[in-house]
Amino acid sequence: MRKNIIISTLIVTLLLIVGACEKPEIGYLSDNIFYNNSVYMVERGKTTYSAPIVANGSSSPLNVELLKVKDSVGNDVTAIFKEPQSIKVYKQPVTYLDSTMALLNSRFKDSIVQPFKINPIGGRMEFTPATTFLPGGSYSIDVKVSNSKGEKTIEDAAKIVLTNSSGVPYILPFKRVRDYSDGSTLNNTDDENITIDVDFVPGTQEETKCIYKFLDKNGVAFNPKAGEITRWMPTWPSIDDWDPYFTPVLTDTSIEHQMPGLIGFTFPYFNVVVVKGQSWDQGGDALCYLNIPKGHLNEYNVNIQVAFAFRIYAQGTFNITVHLHKLTRK
C-alpha cells in the first residue's frame, strides 16, 4: 500500500514538472474580426471616419494593415486611394480684416494628404477631402490583422461607396421684411410677406457668385442701380461686409456679387464682422440688411428693411430672388 502511494506521488510530481515545462499560449486572435457596417457611404471631399474594426476579444494591440482596394469589378485601385493630393487647409483663422483675396489666401496653405488610409492601431478607416479626386462608385478592401498571437488576412472586410455630396449647396436661416415706423404692421418673416427662391447652377470657383433680385407682389423688379435697393444703415452689415473681396455690381434689375468659392469651406469664412466700429457676431450666417428707401412704394412712404442670411457651401451661381408679396413698386 505504501509503495502504491509513493508511486502515485511520483507520477503526479512528474506530470506537474512536465506541465511546467510546456510553453504557455500567448494572446488570442479571433476568427471573427469585422467592421460594424457592411457598407460605408462616404461623400467625396469630406473628412469621414469609421469606427475601429471589431476585434471580438482579440488581444490588444490589434494591428491592421490595408492590403488592397478593389473597384466594383475587382480591379486593384489601391494606388489611386493612396496617392497624395494637394488640398487647402486653414493656416490661420480668417477674420473680417482679411478683406482682399490676397489676404484671404494667405490664411490657407496647401496640404499633401492621402485620400484614404487605415489607422494601423485598431483599423479605423480615415477619408480626407482629397477623396474629391477619386472617382465615385463602389469599392471593397482587403486587410491584414495581427497581434501577439499571429496574423490573418480578411478579404472584402468592408464595402465603401463614394458618392457626390448629398448636402445642400446653401441654407437660408433667416428672412424678414420690416417697417420701423410708429404703429407698423409690416414686421414679418412669414411666407405671406416674404419668400426667397434660390436657383443654384453648379460651377467653378471663378463662376461662383450671387445674383440678387427683388420683386414686388406683381413680379416687377426693383432697380438697385437707380437706388431702389440700398444698404440699411452704415453700421449694419450688408452683402459686401461678408464678402469684401469683390465689389457688388448694380444693374437695373439685380445686385451681382462674385464669391471666393473656396472648395470645402463654408461661406462666410468668419463669424464676426465690424461695420463702422460696430461688432456683429452672427454665428456663421452672412446676415445682410438692405433698404427700400421711402418714395419707391405705393403702400408705404417710409424706409422698408429687407433682411436675410445665407450660408454657402458650394461653387456655382446662386440666382436669389426675393419676393415681397405685400409691396408694390411705384
C-alpha atoms as a PDB file:
ATOM      1  CA  MET A   1       0.000   0.000   0.000  1.00  0.00           C
ATOM      2  CA  ARG A   2       2.760   2.397   0.977  1.00  0.00           C
ATOM      3  CA  LYS A   3       4.561   1.506  -2.201  1.00  0.00           C
ATOM      4  CA  ASN A   4       1.467   2.455  -4.307  1.00  0.00           C
ATOM      5  CA  ILE A   5       1.213   5.801  -2.568  1.00  0.00           C
ATOM      6  CA  ILE A   6       4.842   6.557  -3.278  1.00  0.00           C
ATOM      7  CA  ILE A   7       4.401   5.623  -6.956  1.00  0.00           C
ATOM      8  CA  SER A   8       1.279   7.812  -7.300  1.00  0.00           C
ATOM      9  CA  THR A   9       3.055  10.737  -5.710  1.00  0.00           C
ATOM     10  CA  LEU A  10       5.966  10.355  -8.122  1.00  0.00           C
ATOM     11  CA  ILE A  11       3.592  10.267 -11.103  1.00  0.00           C
ATOM     12  CA  VAL A  12       1.776  13.424 -10.001  1.00  0.00           C
ATOM     13  CA  THR A  13       5.078  15.189  -9.397  1.00  0.00           C
ATOM     14  CA  LEU A  14       6.322  14.157 -12.831  1.00  0.00           C
ATOM     15  CA  LEU A  15       3.157  15.441 -14.510  1.00  0.00           C
ATOM     16  CA  LEU A  16       3.496  18.756 -12.733  1.00  0.00           C
ATOM     17  CA  ILE A  17       7.094  19.070 -13.874  1.00  0.00           C
ATOM     18  CA  VAL A  18       6.184  18.244 -17.472  1.00  0.00           C
ATOM     19  CA  GLY A  19       3.278  20.694 -17.399  1.00  0.00           C
ATOM     20  CA  ALA A  20       5.504  23.422 -16.026  1.00  0.00           C
ATOM     21  CA  CYS A  21       7.922  22.929 -18.904  1.00  0.00           C
ATOM     22  CA  GLU A  22       5.241  23.445 -21.561  1.00  0.00           C
ATOM     23  CA  LYS A  23       5.283  26.965 -23.135  1.00  0.00           C
ATOM     24  CA  PRO A  24       2.047  28.845 -22.222  1.00  0.00           C
ATOM     25  CA  GLU A  25      -0.095  30.088 -25.097  1.00  0.00           C
ATOM     26  CA  ILE A  26       0.331  33.850 -25.663  1.00  0.00           C
ATOM     27  CA  GLY A  27      -2.527  36.070 -26.856  1.00  0.00           C
ATOM     28  CA  TYR A  28      -5.719  35.430 -28.764  1.00  0.00           C
ATOM     29  CA  LEU A  29      -6.691  36.293 -32.343  1.00  0.00           C
ATOM     30  CA  SER A  30     -10.365  35.825 -33.135  1.00  0.00           C
ATOM     31  CA  ASP A  31     -11.585  34.092 -36.292  1.00  0.00           C
ATOM     32  CA  ASN A  32     -14.421  36.629 -36.470  1.00  0.00           C
ATOM     33  CA  ILE A  33     -12.960  40.131 -36.852  1.00  0.00           C
ATOM     34  CA  PHE A  34     -15.113  42.562 -38.803  1.00  0.00           C
ATOM     35  CA  TYR A  35     -16.246  46.152 -39.383  1.00  0.00           C
ATOM     36  CA  ASN A  36     -19.609  47.021 -37.843  1.00  0.00           C
ATOM     37  CA  ASN A  37     -21.114  48.334 -41.069  1.00  0.00           C
ATOM     38  CA  SER A  38     -21.178  46.157 -44.153  1.00  0.00           C
ATOM     39  CA  VAL A  39     -21.361  49.285 -46.354  1.00  0.00           C
ATOM     40  CA  TYR A  40     -19.824  52.699 -45.639  1.00  0.00           C
ATOM     41  CA  MET A  41     -21.354  55.627 -47.526  1.00  0.00           C
ATOM     42  CA  VAL A  42     -18.721  58.356 -47.908  1.00  0.00           C
ATOM     43  CA  GLU A  43     -19.241  61.769 -49.517  1.00  0.00           C
ATOM     44  CA  ARG A  44     -16.330  62.699 -51.756  1.00  0.00           C
ATOM     45  CA  GLY A  45     -14.430  65.739 -50.495  1.00  0.00           C
ATOM     46  CA  LYS A  46     -15.439  65.378 -46.844  1.00  0.00           C
ATOM     47  CA  THR A  47     -13.440  64.223 -43.843  1.00  0.00           C
ATOM     48  CA  THR A  48     -15.017  60.962 -42.695  1.00  0.00           C
ATOM     49  CA  TYR A  49     -14.049  58.302 -40.148  1.00  0.00           C
ATOM     50  CA  SER A  50     -15.310  54.815 -39.447  1.00  0.00           C
ATOM     51  CA  ALA A  51     -15.352  53.065 -36.103  1.00  0.00           C
ATOM     52  CA  PRO A  52     -12.371  50.793 -35.385  1.00  0.00           C
ATOM     53  CA  ILE A  53     -12.584  47.220 -36.582  1.00  0.00           C
ATOM     54  CA  VAL A  54     -14.359  44.904 -34.133  1.00  0.00           C
ATOM     55  CA  ALA A  55     -11.593  42.832 -32.514  1.00  0.00           C
ATOM     56  CA  ASN A  56     -14.105  40.398 -30.980  1.00  0.00           C
ATOM     57  CA  GLY A  57     -11.975  39.606 -27.935  1.00  0.00           C
ATOM     58  CA  SER A  58      -8.610  39.561 -29.727  1.00  0.00           C
ATOM     59  CA  SER A  59      -5.592  40.579 -27.681  1.00  0.00           C
ATOM     60  CA  SER A  60      -4.548  44.215 -27.835  1.00  0.00           C
ATOM     61  CA  PRO A  61      -2.992  45.961 -29.557  1.00  0.00           C
ATOM     62  CA  LEU A  62      -4.631  44.760 -32.762  1.00  0.00           C
ATOM     63  CA  ASN A  63      -2.690  45.938 -35.792  1.00  0.00           C
ATOM     64  CA  VAL A  64      -4.495  46.457 -39.091  1.00  0.00           C
ATOM     65  CA  GLU A  65      -2.829  46.902 -42.490  1.00  0.00           C
ATOM     66  CA  LEU A  66      -4.516  47.822 -45.774  1.00  0.00           C
ATOM     67  CA  LEU A  67      -3.638  45.228 -48.387  1.00  0.00           C
ATOM     68  CA  LYS A  68      -5.820  46.167 -51.326  1.00  0.00           C
ATOM     69  CA  VAL A  69      -8.635  48.403 -52.532  1.00  0.00           C
ATOM     70  CA  LYS A  70     -10.732  46.862 -55.316  1.00  0.00           C
ATOM     71  CA  ASP A  71     -13.309  48.501 -57.557  1.00  0.00           C
ATOM     72  CA  SER A  72     -16.720  47.037 -58.295  1.00  0.00           C
ATOM     73  CA  VAL A  73     -15.323  44.582 -60.876  1.00  0.00           C
ATOM     74  CA  GLY A  74     -12.335  43.535 -58.786  1.00  0.00           C
ATOM     75  CA  ASN A  75      -9.594  45.719 -60.278  1.00  0.00           C
ATOM     76  CA  ASP A  76      -6.810  46.734 -57.872  1.00  0.00           C
ATOM     77  CA  VAL A  77      -7.110  50.529 -57.400  1.00  0.00           C
ATOM     78  CA  THR A  78      -5.058  50.784 -54.216  1.00  0.00           C
ATOM     79  CA  ALA A  79      -2.572  53.171 -55.811  1.00  0.00           C
ATOM     80  CA  ILE A  80      -5.068  55.954 -56.503  1.00  0.00           C
ATOM     81  CA  PHE A  81      -6.543  55.666 -52.999  1.00  0.00           C
ATOM     82  CA  LYS A  82      -3.059  56.115 -51.535  1.00  0.00           C
ATOM     83  CA  GLU A  83      -1.786  58.743 -53.974  1.00  0.00           C
ATOM     84  CA  PRO A  84      -1.167  62.012 -52.078  1.00  0.00           C
ATOM     85  CA  GLN A  85      -3.126  65.032 -53.297  1.00  0.00           C
ATOM     86  CA  SER A  86      -2.916  68.748 -52.538  1.00  0.00           C
ATOM     87  CA  ILE A  87      -5.834  70.296 -50.630  1.00  0.00           C
ATOM     88  CA  LYS A  88      -6.277  73.634 -48.861  1.00  0.00           C
ATOM     89  CA  VAL A  89      -6.442  73.762 -45.068  1.00  0.00           C
ATOM     90  CA  TYR A  90      -6.615  76.619 -42.591  1.00  0.00           C
ATOM     91  CA  LYS A  91      -3.215  78.023 -41.641  1.00  0.00           C
ATOM     92  CA  GLN A  92      -4.725  80.798 -39.505  1.00  0.00           C
ATOM     93  CA  PRO A  93      -8.296  81.791 -38.682  1.00  0.00           C
ATOM     94  CA  VAL A  94      -9.906  84.152 -41.188  1.00  0.00           C
ATOM     95  CA  THR A  95     -11.257  87.467 -39.840  1.00  0.00           C
ATOM     96  CA  TYR A  96     -13.148  90.385 -41.378  1.00  0.00           C
ATOM     97  CA  LEU A  97      -9.796  92.190 -41.670  1.00  0.00           C
ATOM     98  CA  ASP A  98      -8.736  89.719 -44.365  1.00  0.00           C
ATOM     99  CA  SER A  99     -10.606  91.859 -46.855  1.00  0.00           C
ATOM    100  CA  THR A 100      -8.751  91.048 -50.091  1.00  0.00           C
ATOM    101  CA  MET A 101      -8.248  87.781 -51.950  1.00  0.00           C
ATOM    102  CA  ALA A 102      -4.506  88.034 -51.276  1.00  0.00           C
ATOM    103  CA  LEU A 103      -5.106  88.305 -47.517  1.00  0.00           C
ATOM    104  CA  LEU A 104      -7.744  85.571 -47.618  1.00  0.00           C
ATOM    105  CA  ASN A 105      -5.461  83.174 -49.486  1.00  0.00           C
ATOM    106  CA  SER A 106      -2.676  83.880 -47.000  1.00  0.00           C
ATOM    107  CA  ARG A 107      -4.821  82.241 -44.282  1.00  0.00           C
ATOM    108  CA  PHE A 108      -4.740  78.893 -46.080  1.00  0.00           C
ATOM    109  CA  LYS A 109      -1.973  76.535 -47.031  1.00  0.00           C
ATOM    110  CA  ASP A 110      -1.641  73.574 -49.310  1.00  0.00           C
ATOM    111  CA  SER A 111      -1.520  70.246 -47.516  1.00  0.00           C
ATOM    112  CA  ILE A 112      -0.492  66.966 -49.153  1.00  0.00           C
ATOM    113  CA  VAL A 113      -2.680  64.116 -47.899  1.00  0.00           C
ATOM    114  CA  GLN A 114      -3.774  60.656 -48.986  1.00  0.00           C
ATOM    115  CA  PRO A 115      -7.439  60.295 -49.889  1.00  0.00           C
ATOM    116  CA  PHE A 116      -7.744  57.132 -47.774  1.00  0.00           C
ATOM    117  CA  LYS A 117      -5.822  55.259 -45.128  1.00  0.00           C
ATOM    118  CA  ILE A 118      -6.369  52.812 -42.289  1.00  0.00           C
ATOM    119  CA  ASN A 119      -5.150  53.599 -38.799  1.00  0.00           C
ATOM    120  CA  PRO A 120      -2.628  50.846 -38.050  1.00  0.00           C
ATOM    121  CA  ILE A 121      -3.787  50.529 -34.430  1.00  0.00           C
ATOM    122  CA  GLY A 122      -7.413  49.486 -34.328  1.00  0.00           C
ATOM    123  CA  GLY A 123      -8.134  49.739 -38.039  1.00  0.00           C
ATOM    124  CA  ARG A 124     -10.231  52.917 -38.178  1.00  0.00           C
ATOM    125  CA  MET A 125     -10.847  53.911 -41.823  1.00  0.00           C
ATOM    126  CA  GLU A 126      -9.969  57.551 -42.493  1.00  0.00           C
ATOM    127  CA  PHE A 127     -11.122  59.556 -45.536  1.00  0.00           C
ATOM    128  CA  THR A 128      -9.828  63.077 -46.254  1.00  0.00           C
ATOM    129  CA  PRO A 129     -11.102  65.896 -48.504  1.00  0.00           C
ATOM    130  CA  ALA A 130      -8.695  64.530 -51.129  1.00  0.00           C
ATOM    131  CA  THR A 131     -11.368  61.918 -51.921  1.00  0.00           C
ATOM    132  CA  THR A 132     -12.714  64.619 -54.234  1.00  0.00           C
ATOM    133  CA  PHE A 133     -10.001  63.416 -56.654  1.00  0.00           C
ATOM    134  CA  LEU A 134     -11.314  59.817 -56.583  1.00  0.00           C
ATOM    135  CA  PRO A 135     -13.989  58.517 -58.937  1.00  0.00           C
ATOM    136  CA  GLY A 136     -17.327  57.803 -57.314  1.00  0.00           C
ATOM    137  CA  GLY A 137     -18.518  54.223 -57.087  1.00  0.00           C
ATOM    138  CA  SER A 138     -18.351  51.046 -55.002  1.00  0.00           C
ATOM    139  CA  TYR A 139     -15.125  49.626 -53.613  1.00  0.00           C
ATOM    140  CA  SER A 140     -14.073  46.897 -51.199  1.00  0.00           C
ATOM    141  CA  ILE A 141     -10.942  46.484 -49.094  1.00  0.00           C
ATOM    142  CA  ASP A 142      -8.738  43.573 -48.020  1.00  0.00           C
ATOM    143  CA  VAL A 143      -6.857  43.969 -44.746  1.00  0.00           C
ATOM    144  CA  LYS A 144      -4.364  42.059 -42.627  1.00  0.00           C
ATOM    145  CA  VAL A 145      -4.861  41.952 -38.862  1.00  0.00           C
ATOM    146  CA  SER A 146      -2.179  40.871 -36.421  1.00  0.00           C
ATOM    147  CA  ASN A 147      -1.291  40.794 -32.738  1.00  0.00           C
ATOM    148  CA  SER A 148       0.914  38.795 -30.388  1.00  0.00           C
ATOM    149  CA  LYS A 149      -0.924  35.605 -31.384  1.00  0.00           C
ATOM    150  CA  GLY A 150      -0.348  35.854 -35.115  1.00  0.00           C
ATOM    151  CA  GLU A 151      -1.973  37.334 -38.210  1.00  0.00           C
ATOM    152  CA  LYS A 152      -4.938  36.820 -40.543  1.00  0.00           C
ATOM    153  CA  THR A 153      -5.978  38.171 -43.922  1.00  0.00           C
ATOM    154  CA  ILE A 154      -9.591  39.364 -44.232  1.00  0.00           C
ATOM    155  CA  GLU A 155     -10.816  39.757 -47.786  1.00  0.00           C
ATOM    156  CA  ASP A 156     -13.666  42.155 -48.526  1.00  0.00           C
ATOM    157  CA  ALA A 157     -13.525  43.389 -44.939  1.00  0.00           C
ATOM    158  CA  ALA A 158     -15.693  46.403 -45.809  1.00  0.00           C
ATOM    159  CA  LYS A 159     -17.522  47.907 -48.762  1.00  0.00           C
ATOM    160  CA  ILE A 160     -17.077  51.617 -49.444  1.00  0.00           C
ATOM    161  CA  VAL A 161     -19.405  53.678 -51.620  1.00  0.00           C
ATOM    162  CA  LEU A 162     -18.027  57.067 -52.667  1.00  0.00           C
ATOM    163  CA  THR A 163     -20.820  59.480 -53.565  1.00  0.00           C
ATOM    164  CA  ASN A 164     -21.078  63.067 -54.672  1.00  0.00           C
ATOM    165  CA  SER A 165     -22.070  65.431 -51.895  1.00  0.00           C
ATOM    166  CA  SER A 166     -25.683  64.928 -50.893  1.00  0.00           C
ATOM    167  CA  GLY A 167     -25.612  68.078 -48.792  1.00  0.00           C
ATOM    168  CA  VAL A 168     -27.474  71.227 -49.795  1.00  0.00           C
ATOM    169  CA  PRO A 169     -25.450  73.937 -51.583  1.00  0.00           C
ATOM    170  CA  TYR A 170     -26.785  76.624 -49.227  1.00  0.00           C
ATOM    171  CA  ILE A 171     -29.074  77.267 -46.279  1.00  0.00           C
ATOM    172  CA  LEU A 172     -31.312  80.282 -45.653  1.00  0.00           C
ATOM    173  CA  PRO A 173     -31.684  80.559 -41.858  1.00  0.00           C
ATOM    174  CA  PHE A 174     -33.426  83.953 -41.780  1.00  0.00           C
ATOM    175  CA  LYS A 175     -35.581  86.326 -43.842  1.00  0.00           C
ATOM    176  CA  ARG A 176     -37.646  89.406 -42.910  1.00  0.00           C
ATOM    177  CA  VAL A 177     -39.362  92.482 -44.294  1.00  0.00           C
ATOM    178  CA  ARG A 178     -39.926  95.274 -41.770  1.00  0.00           C
ATOM    179  CA  ASP A 179     -41.260  98.802 -41.367  1.00  0.00           C
ATOM    180  CA  TYR A 180     -39.829 100.683 -38.366  1.00  0.00           C
ATOM    181  CA  SER A 181     -42.406 103.489 -38.336  1.00  0.00           C
ATOM    182  CA  ASP A 182     -44.808 104.062 -35.427  1.00  0.00           C
ATOM    183  CA  GLY A 183     -47.774 101.685 -35.494  1.00  0.00           C
ATOM    184  CA  SER A 184     -46.092  99.494 -38.071  1.00  0.00           C
ATOM    185  CA  THR A 185     -47.917  96.386 -39.231  1.00  0.00           C
ATOM    186  CA  LEU A 186     -45.095  95.259 -41.547  1.00  0.00           C
ATOM    187  CA  ASN A 187     -42.697  93.287 -39.372  1.00  0.00           C
ATOM    188  CA  ASN A 188     -42.856  89.775 -40.684  1.00  0.00           C
ATOM    189  CA  THR A 189     -40.844  86.718 -41.536  1.00  0.00           C
ATOM    190  CA  ASP A 190     -43.744  84.549 -42.683  1.00  0.00           C
ATOM    191  CA  ASP A 191     -44.179  83.455 -46.282  1.00  0.00           C
ATOM    192  CA  GLU A 192     -47.244  85.573 -46.942  1.00  0.00           C
ATOM    193  CA  ASN A 193     -44.992  88.627 -46.663  1.00  0.00           C
ATOM    194  CA  ILE A 194     -41.621  87.464 -47.976  1.00  0.00           C
ATOM    195  CA  THR A 195     -40.286  84.372 -49.708  1.00  0.00           C
ATOM    196  CA  ILE A 196     -36.852  83.801 -51.214  1.00  0.00           C
ATOM    197  CA  ASP A 197     -36.212  81.426 -54.104  1.00  0.00           C
ATOM    198  CA  VAL A 198     -32.718  80.196 -54.980  1.00  0.00           C
ATOM    199  CA  ASP A 199     -31.835  78.656 -58.327  1.00  0.00           C
ATOM    200  CA  PHE A 200     -28.373  77.116 -57.992  1.00  0.00           C
ATOM    201  CA  VAL A 201     -26.254  76.321 -61.046  1.00  0.00           C
ATOM    202  CA  PRO A 202     -23.090  74.332 -60.141  1.00  0.00           C
ATOM    203  CA  GLY A 203     -19.879  75.832 -61.483  1.00  0.00           C
ATOM    204  CA  THR A 204     -16.210  76.524 -60.873  1.00  0.00           C
ATOM    205  CA  GLN A 205     -14.567  78.785 -58.317  1.00  0.00           C
ATOM    206  CA  GLU A 206     -14.305  81.534 -60.945  1.00  0.00           C
ATOM    207  CA  GLU A 207     -18.027  81.200 -61.722  1.00  0.00           C
ATOM    208  CA  THR A 208     -19.163  81.394 -58.090  1.00  0.00           C
ATOM    209  CA  LYS A 209     -21.392  84.396 -57.472  1.00  0.00           C
ATOM    210  CA  CYS A 210     -24.738  85.503 -56.055  1.00  0.00           C
ATOM    211  CA  ILE A 211     -27.239  87.393 -58.189  1.00  0.00           C
ATOM    212  CA  TYR A 212     -29.914  89.060 -56.036  1.00  0.00           C
ATOM    213  CA  LYS A 213     -33.241  90.202 -57.492  1.00  0.00           C
ATOM    214  CA  PHE A 214     -36.055  91.904 -55.579  1.00  0.00           C
ATOM    215  CA  LEU A 215     -39.601  91.599 -56.948  1.00  0.00           C
ATOM    216  CA  ASP A 216     -42.798  93.289 -55.795  1.00  0.00           C
ATOM    217  CA  LYS A 217     -46.127  91.454 -55.497  1.00  0.00           C
ATOM    218  CA  ASN A 218     -46.713  91.843 -59.249  1.00  0.00           C
ATOM    219  CA  GLY A 219     -43.329  90.428 -60.181  1.00  0.00           C
ATOM    220  CA  VAL A 220     -41.842  93.827 -61.061  1.00  0.00           C
ATOM    221  CA  ALA A 221     -38.127  94.123 -60.247  1.00  0.00           C
ATOM    222  CA  PHE A 222     -36.735  96.941 -58.117  1.00  0.00           C
ATOM    223  CA  ASN A 223     -33.805  98.829 -59.652  1.00  0.00           C
ATOM    224  CA  PRO A 224     -30.659  98.739 -57.462  1.00  0.00           C
ATOM    225  CA  LYS A 225     -28.722 100.856 -59.971  1.00  0.00           C
ATOM    226  CA  ALA A 226     -31.280 103.652 -59.523  1.00  0.00           C
ATOM    227  CA  GLY A 227     -31.080 103.450 -55.706  1.00  0.00           C
ATOM    228  CA  GLU A 228     -34.285 101.480 -55.168  1.00  0.00           C
ATOM    229  CA  ILE A 229     -32.322  98.869 -53.149  1.00  0.00           C
ATOM    230  CA  THR A 230     -29.552 100.157 -50.852  1.00  0.00           C
ATOM    231  CA  ARG A 231     -27.846  99.117 -47.616  1.00  0.00           C
ATOM    232  CA  TRP A 232     -29.965  99.643 -44.500  1.00  0.00           C
ATOM    233  CA  MET A 233     -27.621 101.644 -42.266  1.00  0.00           C
ATOM    234  CA  PRO A 234     -23.873 102.402 -42.379  1.00  0.00           C
ATOM    235  CA  THR A 235     -23.234 100.439 -39.160  1.00  0.00           C
ATOM    236  CA  TRP A 236     -25.384  97.392 -40.042  1.00  0.00           C
ATOM    237  CA  PRO A 237     -23.870  94.543 -42.104  1.00  0.00           C
ATOM    238  CA  SER A 238     -24.708  94.155 -45.760  1.00  0.00           C
ATOM    239  CA  ILE A 239     -23.631  91.916 -48.620  1.00  0.00           C
ATOM    240  CA  ASP A 240     -20.166  93.371 -49.138  1.00  0.00           C
ATOM    241  CA  ASP A 241     -19.256  93.259 -45.433  1.00  0.00           C
ATOM    242  CA  TRP A 242     -19.355  89.456 -45.520  1.00  0.00           C
ATOM    243  CA  ASP A 243     -17.797  89.322 -48.977  1.00  0.00           C
ATOM    244  CA  PRO A 244     -15.361  92.267 -49.129  1.00  0.00           C
ATOM    245  CA  TYR A 245     -13.211  90.546 -51.764  1.00  0.00           C
ATOM    246  CA  PHE A 246     -15.284  91.755 -54.724  1.00  0.00           C
ATOM    247  CA  THR A 247     -17.272  94.931 -55.380  1.00  0.00           C
ATOM    248  CA  PRO A 248     -21.011  94.412 -55.960  1.00  0.00           C
ATOM    249  CA  VAL A 249     -22.220  95.219 -59.470  1.00  0.00           C
ATOM    250  CA  LEU A 250     -25.545  97.070 -59.571  1.00  0.00           C
ATOM    251  CA  THR A 251     -27.814  96.613 -62.597  1.00  0.00           C
ATOM    252  CA  ASP A 252     -31.342  97.737 -63.462  1.00  0.00           C
ATOM    253  CA  THR A 253     -32.747  94.523 -62.002  1.00  0.00           C
ATOM    254  CA  SER A 254     -30.142  92.949 -59.716  1.00  0.00           C
ATOM    255  CA  ILE A 255     -27.123  93.090 -57.442  1.00  0.00           C
ATOM    256  CA  GLU A 256     -24.395  90.762 -58.709  1.00  0.00           C
ATOM    257  CA  HIS A 257     -21.671  89.776 -56.294  1.00  0.00           C
ATOM    258  CA  GLN A 258     -18.784  87.447 -57.055  1.00  0.00           C
ATOM    259  CA  MET A 259     -17.744  84.979 -54.318  1.00  0.00           C
ATOM    260  CA  PRO A 260     -14.355  83.416 -53.449  1.00  0.00           C
ATOM    261  CA  GLY A 261     -15.796  79.891 -53.841  1.00  0.00           C
ATOM    262  CA  LEU A 262     -13.140  78.015 -51.851  1.00  0.00           C
ATOM    263  CA  ILE A 263     -13.658  74.248 -52.040  1.00  0.00           C
ATOM    264  CA  GLY A 264     -14.500  72.601 -48.739  1.00  0.00           C
ATOM    265  CA  PHE A 265     -15.141  75.801 -46.786  1.00  0.00           C
ATOM    266  CA  THR A 266     -18.427  77.354 -45.712  1.00  0.00           C
ATOM    267  CA  PHE A 267     -19.135  80.980 -46.611  1.00  0.00           C
ATOM    268  CA  PRO A 268     -18.949  83.308 -44.733  1.00  0.00           C
ATOM    269  CA  TYR A 269     -15.418  82.424 -43.682  1.00  0.00           C
ATOM    270  CA  PHE A 270     -15.666  84.406 -40.431  1.00  0.00           C
ATOM    271  CA  ASN A 271     -18.421  84.770 -37.811  1.00  0.00           C
ATOM    272  CA  VAL A 272     -17.739  88.303 -36.582  1.00  0.00           C
ATOM    273  CA  VAL A 273     -17.745  91.441 -38.714  1.00  0.00           C
ATOM    274  CA  VAL A 274     -17.126  95.026 -37.562  1.00  0.00           C
ATOM    275  CA  VAL A 275     -19.045  97.659 -39.540  1.00  0.00           C
ATOM    276  CA  LYS A 276     -18.053 101.264 -38.892  1.00  0.00           C
ATOM    277  CA  GLY A 277     -16.941 100.330 -35.371  1.00  0.00           C
ATOM    278  CA  GLN A 278     -19.983  98.184 -34.511  1.00  0.00           C
ATOM    279  CA  SER A 279     -19.367  94.462 -33.987  1.00  0.00           C
ATOM    280  CA  TRP A 280     -21.788  91.823 -35.258  1.00  0.00           C
ATOM    281  CA  ASP A 281     -21.439  88.147 -34.311  1.00  0.00           C
ATOM    282  CA  GLN A 282     -23.828  86.105 -36.446  1.00  0.00           C
ATOM    283  CA  GLY A 283     -22.577  82.615 -35.614  1.00  0.00           C
ATOM    284  CA  GLY A 284     -21.700  81.659 -39.167  1.00  0.00           C
ATOM    285  CA  ASP A 285     -24.594  83.332 -41.002  1.00  0.00           C
ATOM    286  CA  ALA A 286     -23.996  86.101 -43.541  1.00  0.00           C
ATOM    287  CA  LEU A 287     -26.783  88.353 -42.249  1.00  0.00           C
ATOM    288  CA  CYS A 288     -27.470  91.258 -44.612  1.00  0.00           C
ATOM    289  CA  TYR A 289     -29.737  94.278 -44.083  1.00  0.00           C
ATOM    290  CA  LEU A 290     -30.999  96.108 -47.159  1.00  0.00           C
ATOM    291  CA  ASN A 291     -33.334  99.046 -47.635  1.00  0.00           C
ATOM    292  CA  ILE A 292     -36.106 100.114 -49.993  1.00  0.00           C
ATOM    293  CA  PRO A 293     -35.948 103.900 -49.452  1.00  0.00           C
ATOM    294  CA  LYS A 294     -39.194 105.777 -48.996  1.00  0.00           C
ATOM    295  CA  GLY A 295     -40.754 107.094 -52.168  1.00  0.00           C
ATOM    296  CA  HIS A 296     -40.451 103.828 -54.129  1.00  0.00           C
ATOM    297  CA  LEU A 297     -43.597 102.068 -52.854  1.00  0.00           C
ATOM    298  CA  ASN A 298     -47.304 102.610 -53.252  1.00  0.00           C
ATOM    299  CA  GLU A 299     -48.255 101.195 -49.849  1.00  0.00           C
ATOM    300  CA  TYR A 300     -45.730 102.974 -47.617  1.00  0.00           C
ATOM    301  CA  ASN A 301     -43.889 106.280 -47.581  1.00  0.00           C
ATOM    302  CA  VAL A 302     -41.212 105.072 -45.163  1.00  0.00           C
ATOM    303  CA  ASN A 303     -37.996 103.114 -45.416  1.00  0.00           C
ATOM    304  CA  ILE A 304     -38.596  99.361 -45.605  1.00  0.00           C
ATOM    305  CA  GLN A 305     -35.986  96.940 -44.323  1.00  0.00           C
ATOM    306  CA  VAL A 306     -35.366  93.691 -46.197  1.00  0.00           C
ATOM    307  CA  ALA A 307     -33.086  91.293 -44.323  1.00  0.00           C
ATOM    308  CA  PHE A 308     -31.834  87.770 -44.972  1.00  0.00           C
ATOM    309  CA  ALA A 309     -28.976  85.446 -44.020  1.00  0.00           C
ATOM    310  CA  PHE A 310     -27.213  82.771 -46.046  1.00  0.00           C
ATOM    311  CA  ARG A 311     -24.601  80.104 -45.646  1.00  0.00           C
ATOM    312  CA  ILE A 312     -22.962  78.984 -48.896  1.00  0.00           C
ATOM    313  CA  TYR A 313     -21.426  75.504 -49.228  1.00  0.00           C
ATOM    314  CA  ALA A 314     -20.822  75.019 -52.950  1.00  0.00           C
ATOM    315  CA  GLN A 315     -19.273  76.510 -56.081  1.00  0.00           C
ATOM    316  CA  GLY A 316     -21.502  77.950 -58.782  1.00  0.00           C
ATOM    317  CA  THR A 317     -24.076  80.647 -59.450  1.00  0.00           C
ATOM    318  CA  PHE A 318     -26.811  81.348 -56.906  1.00  0.00           C
ATOM    319  CA  ASN A 319     -29.751  83.150 -58.520  1.00  0.00           C
ATOM    320  CA  ILE A 320     -31.519  84.575 -55.445  1.00  0.00           C
ATOM    321  CA  THR A 321     -34.979  86.080 -55.920  1.00  0.00           C
ATOM    322  CA  VAL A 322     -36.619  87.932 -53.033  1.00  0.00           C
ATOM    323  CA  HIS A 323     -40.420  88.111 -53.388  1.00  0.00           C
ATOM    324  CA  LEU A 324     -42.122  90.929 -51.430  1.00  0.00           C
ATOM    325  CA  HIS A 325     -45.744  89.831 -51.507  1.00  0.00           C
ATOM    326  CA  LYS A 326     -47.420  92.896 -49.968  1.00  0.00           C
ATOM    327  CA  LEU A 327     -45.406  95.683 -51.600  1.00  0.00           C
ATOM    328  CA  THR A 328     -45.853  97.390 -54.944  1.00  0.00           C
ATOM    329  CA  ARG A 329     -43.062  99.247 -56.719  1.00  0.00           C
ATOM    330  CA  LYS A 330     -44.088 102.793 -57.593  1.00  0.00           C
END
